[in-house]
Amino acid sequence: MDAASGHVERRVRTWPLVVVAFSSLLLLITISGTATLVKARELYKARSDLNQRHRHDAEALGDVRSAIQVSSIMIRDYLLDPSLRRGDDYRDQILELRKSTSARLAGLEKVAQPENRHKLAELRAEVHTFWQSLAPVFEWEPEEKQAFSYTFLRRKIMPRRESVTRLAAEVKEYTDRSFLHEREEIAASEQAFTIYVRRMLAVSLLLGIAVALLSVMRIAALERRSEQQRLQTTKAEQEMRRLSHQLVHGQERERRKISRELHDEVGQMLTGLRMEFRSLQKVQMAPRKEFEAKLEHGRAILDRTLQAVRDIAMGLRPSMLDDLGLEAALQWQARDFSRRQDIPVAVDIRARLADLPEDHRTSLYRIVQEALTNCARHARAKAVRISVSEENGTLRLEVSDDGVGMPDRDALAAGLGLIGIQERVRELGGRFEIHSSRGCGTLLTVDVPEGTLVA
């Protein structure tokens, strides 16, 4: 079965898909890159803050221990100095050390972890007790300094100094422990961040591979389609050249046929008519019956000439197609075909053909004409049937025969006649089908869709 019908192939545009795919890939890379930078900055800041806080805590505790040591040394020197002239200098220096130590301890308490604050409180209390124990020394007289200095140093200053140093060491130990714990947490966060980066890289890589594969597959499909279209275009160009060649030869054959008919039939009849007119001049004085016989013979030649001209004109385009309509033209065509080919043709028309536009009448008439011509040339049929019906606004034309069928359907389908039928049906927006099998005849079907039947 061959069919010529309007078919619109639905094509998927490639560039929106490529834009969406690459946009998604770029968006994923942008989001993952931004998240990676933010997370990296957070980890870097956390590690930097941890190191800076630990260094600050270590420096503060070192300053506290150093202040206590320096204060102990200054008290010792003051007690061993027999004079009182430098007492105010020692007192001022110790007060300055006390103020700086208090500031350091206050700073430590602000940033200290909750588990370290009780030790800092003990250290602060012990340091405060140490400073309070130094106050009476500056009120002593030289005799009191000489009498109580050794005992004061051994029983009060040195134990309290050792206690402060011990507490400072314990605070440092707690601080180091907290530092190690926070550093482990940061290391765990960095490890999780590394896993996250690897996952995002893997996802981006997989998505990129998927986009690349889809793009390559789509491009390959487009290249194959382009190559197929190129081959189809080349084949169509070759087919058009062949059909153009056939069309030119067909026109030349039609011209030769018309020329031969005009020369052989019309020309000879006109020549005979001219000879009859000459013979009439010779017998104008002859008896009346002989003259009338010659005149009747010339009138018969003239009638045959007119009939031949009418036949040629009807073959080109029957006037009844315009005067009487498609139904009458089809009936005349069937009778003329039966007369010339000695093949009976049945015509069954069950449709309203009077309202058809001129283009539709002409196209349907030529389709039937070409179908009958193919029957005469190839089918070797004994009977032909032409049927025109209408159903739900669709006009159906069927031309069937009981001939030998199509032994080589492809070869016949490539012929100029059937291609001409296909083109006419396509112009009407209809559908054209041929059903044929060897020895079972041929059925040609033409459907004109609804909406094209009214002029």
Foldseek 3Di string as FASTA:
>chain_A
DDKFADDDDDDDDDVVVLVVLVVVLVVLVVVLVVVLVVLVVVLVVLLVVLVVLLVLLVVLLVLLLVLLVVLLVLLLVCLVDLDLPCLVVNVVVNVVSLVSNVVSLVVCCVPDDPVLNVLSVVLVVLVVVLVVLSVCSNVDHSVCSVVCVVVCSVPPSVVSSVVNNVSSVVSSVVSVVVSVVSVVVSVVSVVVSVVSSVVSVVVSVVSVVVSVVVVVVVVVVVVVVVVVVVVVVVVVVVLVVVLVVVVVVVVVVVVVVVVCLCCVQLVVLVVVLVVLVVVLVVCVVPDPVVNVVSVVVSVVSVVSNVVSVQVVVVVVPHPCCVVVHLVVNVVVVQVVLCVVQVAHEAEAEADDGPQADPLVSVLVSLLVVLVSVCCSPPFPFRYKYWYWHDDPQKIKIKIWTQGQWDPPVVVVCSDNSVVSNSVSLVVLSWMWDKDTDGRGTIMIMIIRDHPNGGD
